[in-house]
Amino acid sequence: MFCFACGSPVVKVVQEEFSVSADDLVERIRELLHEGNVTRIIVKDERGKILLEIPATVGFIGTAIAPWLAALGVIAALATKCKIVVERRE
């Protein structure tokens, strides 16, 4: 599929939503980042408020993931249940 205006390829993005406990939050995020086709991860609390948004580009995963995982640890300490919204390329 190509854009009718500019001719560039159009990438379809699919969103998935997972509910996880705060104990499993960091481990689940690590698993998702290693899958490779994830473009963005959004962590929400029980009420749907966005707590953290992680862009998951290929170059980003290797170098700057440690500060995000530290922030996830703080979120896990504050929240009891979280929702993870994952955007994937098809």
N, C-alpha and C. Protein backbone atom coordinates (compact mmCIF):
# COMPACT_ATOMS: atom_id res chain seq x y z
N MET A 1 0.83 -1.17 0.00
CA MET A 1 0.00 0.00 0.00
C MET A 1 0.88 1.25 0.00
N PHE A 2 0.48 2.22 -0.79
CA PHE A 2 1.23 3.46 -0.92
C PHE A 2 0.30 4.65 -0.72
N CYS A 3 0.87 5.73 -0.21
CA CYS A 3 0.13 6.98 -0.03
C CYS A 3 -0.23 7.54 -1.40
N PHE A 4 -1.50 7.89 -1.59
CA PHE A 4 -1.93 8.42 -2.89
C PHE A 4 -1.39 9.82 -3.16
N ALA A 5 -1.00 10.55 -2.10
CA ALA A 5 -0.51 11.92 -2.29
C ALA A 5 0.99 11.97 -2.57
N CYS A 6 1.78 11.21 -1.81
CA CYS A 6 3.23 11.33 -1.96
C CYS A 6 3.90 10.07 -2.51
N GLY A 7 3.21 8.94 -2.50
CA GLY A 7 3.76 7.71 -3.05
C GLY A 7 4.61 6.90 -2.09
N SER A 8 4.75 7.35 -0.84
CA SER A 8 5.57 6.59 0.11
C SER A 8 4.78 5.38 0.63
N PRO A 9 5.49 4.32 1.02
CA PRO A 9 4.80 3.14 1.53
C PRO A 9 4.09 3.45 2.84
N VAL A 10 2.92 2.88 3.01
CA VAL A 10 2.12 3.06 4.22
C VAL A 10 2.26 1.80 5.07
N VAL A 11 2.66 1.99 6.33
CA VAL A 11 2.82 0.89 7.25
C VAL A 11 1.59 0.83 8.15
N LYS A 12 0.99 -0.34 8.23
CA LYS A 12 -0.19 -0.51 9.07
C LYS A 12 0.27 -0.76 10.51
N VAL A 13 -0.32 -0.03 11.44
CA VAL A 13 0.01 -0.15 12.86
C VAL A 13 -1.19 -0.75 13.59
N VAL A 14 -0.91 -1.78 14.38
CA VAL A 14 -1.96 -2.47 15.13
C VAL A 14 -1.70 -2.25 16.61
N GLN A 15 -2.77 -1.99 17.38
CA GLN A 15 -2.63 -1.81 18.82
C GLN A 15 -3.18 -3.03 19.55
N GLU A 16 -2.44 -3.46 20.56
CA GLU A 16 -2.87 -4.53 21.45
C GLU A 16 -2.84 -3.99 22.87
N GLU A 17 -3.70 -4.51 23.72
CA GLU A 17 -3.74 -4.05 25.10
C GLU A 17 -3.66 -5.25 26.03
N PHE A 18 -2.77 -5.17 27.02
CA PHE A 18 -2.58 -6.23 28.00
C PHE A 18 -2.81 -5.67 29.39
N SER A 19 -3.39 -6.46 30.27
CA SER A 19 -3.49 -6.10 31.69
C SER A 19 -2.49 -6.95 32.45
N VAL A 20 -1.66 -6.30 33.24
CA VAL A 20 -0.65 -7.01 34.01
C VAL A 20 -0.63 -6.47 35.43
N SER A 21 -0.15 -7.29 36.34
CA SER A 21 0.04 -6.82 37.70
C SER A 21 1.33 -6.02 37.76
N ALA A 22 1.48 -5.21 38.76
CA ALA A 22 2.66 -4.37 38.88
C ALA A 22 3.93 -5.20 39.02
N ASP A 23 3.81 -6.40 39.61
CA ASP A 23 4.98 -7.26 39.78
C ASP A 23 5.54 -7.74 38.45
N ASP A 24 4.68 -7.96 37.47
CA ASP A 24 5.10 -8.49 36.17
C ASP A 24 5.36 -7.40 35.13
N LEU A 25 5.20 -6.15 35.49
CA LEU A 25 5.27 -5.06 34.52
C LEU A 25 6.63 -4.96 33.83
N VAL A 26 7.70 -4.91 34.57
CA VAL A 26 9.03 -4.72 33.99
C VAL A 26 9.40 -5.92 33.11
N GLU A 27 9.12 -7.12 33.57
CA GLU A 27 9.45 -8.31 32.79
C GLU A 27 8.66 -8.37 31.49
N ARG A 28 7.39 -8.01 31.52
CA ARG A 28 6.56 -8.02 30.31
C ARG A 28 7.04 -6.98 29.30
N ILE A 29 7.45 -5.81 29.78
CA ILE A 29 7.97 -4.76 28.90
C ILE A 29 9.26 -5.24 28.23
N ARG A 30 10.14 -5.89 28.98
CA ARG A 30 11.38 -6.43 28.40
C ARG A 30 11.06 -7.43 27.29
N GLU A 31 10.11 -8.31 27.54
CA GLU A 31 9.73 -9.30 26.53
C GLU A 31 9.22 -8.62 25.26
N LEU A 32 8.38 -7.61 25.44
CA LEU A 32 7.82 -6.90 24.29
C LEU A 32 8.89 -6.18 23.48
N LEU A 33 9.86 -5.58 24.16
CA LEU A 33 10.91 -4.85 23.47
C LEU A 33 11.80 -5.78 22.64
N HIS A 34 11.97 -7.00 23.10
CA HIS A 34 12.82 -7.95 22.38
C HIS A 34 12.12 -8.62 21.21
N GLU A 35 10.82 -8.42 21.06
CA GLU A 35 10.09 -9.01 19.93
C GLU A 35 10.47 -8.39 18.60
N GLY A 36 10.79 -7.12 18.57
CA GLY A 36 11.31 -6.50 17.36
C GLY A 36 10.31 -5.72 16.53
N ASN A 37 9.05 -6.09 16.49
CA ASN A 37 8.10 -5.37 15.65
C ASN A 37 7.28 -4.35 16.44
N VAL A 38 7.66 -4.06 17.65
CA VAL A 38 6.97 -3.10 18.51
C VAL A 38 7.52 -1.71 18.22
N THR A 39 6.63 -0.74 17.97
CA THR A 39 7.07 0.62 17.70
C THR A 39 6.88 1.56 18.88
N ARG A 40 5.90 1.27 19.73
CA ARG A 40 5.65 2.13 20.89
C ARG A 40 4.95 1.33 21.97
N ILE A 41 5.29 1.61 23.22
CA ILE A 41 4.65 0.97 24.37
C ILE A 41 4.13 2.06 25.28
N ILE A 42 2.87 1.95 25.67
CA ILE A 42 2.24 2.92 26.57
C ILE A 42 1.79 2.18 27.82
N VAL A 43 2.17 2.68 28.98
CA VAL A 43 1.76 2.09 30.25
C VAL A 43 0.71 2.99 30.87
N LYS A 44 -0.44 2.39 31.18
CA LYS A 44 -1.55 3.15 31.79
C LYS A 44 -1.89 2.55 33.14
N ASP A 45 -2.48 3.38 34.01
CA ASP A 45 -2.93 2.86 35.30
C ASP A 45 -4.33 2.26 35.14
N GLU A 46 -4.92 1.87 36.26
CA GLU A 46 -6.23 1.21 36.24
C GLU A 46 -7.33 2.08 35.67
N ARG A 47 -7.19 3.40 35.83
CA ARG A 47 -8.21 4.34 35.35
C ARG A 47 -7.99 4.79 33.91
N GLY A 48 -6.89 4.35 33.29
CA GLY A 48 -6.62 4.71 31.91
C GLY A 48 -5.70 5.91 31.73
N LYS A 49 -5.17 6.43 32.83
CA LYS A 49 -4.25 7.57 32.75
C LYS A 49 -2.88 7.07 32.28
N ILE A 50 -2.29 7.76 31.31
CA ILE A 50 -0.98 7.36 30.79
C ILE A 50 0.10 7.69 31.81
N LEU A 51 0.85 6.65 32.20
CA LEU A 51 1.93 6.83 33.15
C LEU A 51 3.29 6.96 32.47
N LEU A 52 3.46 6.23 31.37
CA LEU A 52 4.74 6.23 30.68
C LEU A 52 4.53 5.84 29.23
N GLU A 53 5.23 6.50 28.33
CA GLU A 53 5.17 6.19 26.91
C GLU A 53 6.59 5.97 26.42
N ILE A 54 6.85 4.78 25.87
CA ILE A 54 8.19 4.41 25.45
C ILE A 54 8.23 4.24 23.94
N PRO A 55 9.00 5.07 23.24
CA PRO A 55 9.21 4.81 21.81
C PRO A 55 10.19 3.65 21.69
N ALA A 56 9.88 2.67 20.88
CA ALA A 56 10.70 1.45 20.82
C ALA A 56 11.29 1.26 19.44
N THR A 57 12.12 2.19 19.01
CA THR A 57 12.79 2.05 17.73
C THR A 57 14.01 1.16 17.90
N VAL A 58 14.53 0.61 16.83
CA VAL A 58 15.63 -0.35 16.90
C VAL A 58 16.88 0.23 17.55
N GLY A 59 17.29 1.42 17.17
CA GLY A 59 18.47 2.03 17.75
C GLY A 59 18.29 2.41 19.20
N PHE A 60 17.08 2.67 19.58
CA PHE A 60 16.76 3.11 20.94
C PHE A 60 16.87 1.97 21.94
N ILE A 61 16.50 0.78 21.53
CA ILE A 61 16.41 -0.35 22.45
C ILE A 61 17.76 -0.66 23.08
N GLY A 62 18.81 -0.65 22.28
CA GLY A 62 20.11 -1.05 22.80
C GLY A 62 20.75 -0.05 23.73
N THR A 63 20.56 1.23 23.53
CA THR A 63 21.34 2.23 24.26
C THR A 63 20.64 2.87 25.45
N ALA A 64 19.38 3.15 25.34
CA ALA A 64 18.74 3.99 26.37
C ALA A 64 17.61 3.30 27.11
N ILE A 65 17.63 2.00 27.21
CA ILE A 65 16.50 1.31 27.84
C ILE A 65 16.59 1.31 29.37
N ALA A 66 17.78 1.41 29.94
CA ALA A 66 17.93 1.34 31.39
C ALA A 66 17.14 2.41 32.15
N PRO A 67 17.18 3.69 31.73
CA PRO A 67 16.38 4.69 32.47
C PRO A 67 14.87 4.41 32.40
N TRP A 68 14.40 3.89 31.27
CA TRP A 68 12.97 3.58 31.14
C TRP A 68 12.59 2.44 32.08
N LEU A 69 13.46 1.43 32.20
CA LEU A 69 13.16 0.31 33.09
C LEU A 69 13.19 0.76 34.56
N ALA A 70 14.05 1.71 34.89
CA ALA A 70 14.06 2.26 36.24
C ALA A 70 12.75 2.99 36.53
N ALA A 71 12.26 3.75 35.54
CA ALA A 71 10.97 4.45 35.70
C ALA A 71 9.84 3.44 35.84
N LEU A 72 9.92 2.35 35.10
CA LEU A 72 8.89 1.31 35.22
C LEU A 72 8.89 0.69 36.62
N GLY A 73 10.05 0.57 37.22
CA GLY A 73 10.13 0.05 38.58
C GLY A 73 9.41 0.95 39.57
N VAL A 74 9.54 2.25 39.39
CA VAL A 74 8.84 3.22 40.26
C VAL A 74 7.33 3.13 40.03
N ILE A 75 6.92 3.03 38.78
CA ILE A 75 5.50 2.90 38.47
C ILE A 75 4.94 1.63 39.08
N ALA A 76 5.69 0.54 38.98
CA ALA A 76 5.24 -0.73 39.54
C ALA A 76 5.06 -0.64 41.06
N ALA A 77 5.89 0.17 41.71
CA ALA A 77 5.75 0.34 43.16
C ALA A 77 4.51 1.15 43.52
N LEU A 78 4.07 2.05 42.64
CA LEU A 78 2.93 2.92 42.93
C LEU A 78 1.59 2.33 42.51
N ALA A 79 1.58 1.53 41.47
CA ALA A 79 0.32 1.02 40.93
C ALA A 79 0.16 -0.46 41.28
N THR A 80 -1.07 -0.91 41.35
CA THR A 80 -1.31 -2.32 41.62
C THR A 80 -1.56 -3.10 40.34
N LYS A 81 -2.32 -2.52 39.44
CA LYS A 81 -2.57 -3.13 38.14
C LYS A 81 -2.31 -2.10 37.07
N CYS A 82 -1.75 -2.55 35.97
CA CYS A 82 -1.44 -1.64 34.87
C CYS A 82 -1.95 -2.23 33.56
N LYS A 83 -2.17 -1.34 32.61
CA LYS A 83 -2.49 -1.75 31.24
C LYS A 83 -1.32 -1.37 30.36
N ILE A 84 -0.95 -2.26 29.47
CA ILE A 84 0.11 -1.99 28.51
C ILE A 84 -0.53 -1.95 27.13
N VAL A 85 -0.37 -0.83 26.44
CA VAL A 85 -0.84 -0.71 25.06
C VAL A 85 0.39 -0.80 24.17
N VAL A 86 0.37 -1.76 23.24
CA VAL A 86 1.52 -2.01 22.37
C VAL A 86 1.12 -1.69 20.94
N GLU A 87 1.92 -0.87 20.27
CA GLU A 87 1.71 -0.60 18.85
C GLU A 87 2.74 -1.40 18.08
N ARG A 88 2.26 -2.16 17.10
CA ARG A 88 3.13 -3.02 16.29
C ARG A 88 2.98 -2.68 14.82
N ARG A 89 4.07 -2.89 14.08
CA ARG A 89 4.01 -2.78 12.61
C ARG A 89 3.56 -4.10 12.05
N GLU A 90 2.81 -4.04 10.97
CA GLU A 90 2.42 -5.27 10.28
C GLU A 90 3.21 -5.44 9.03
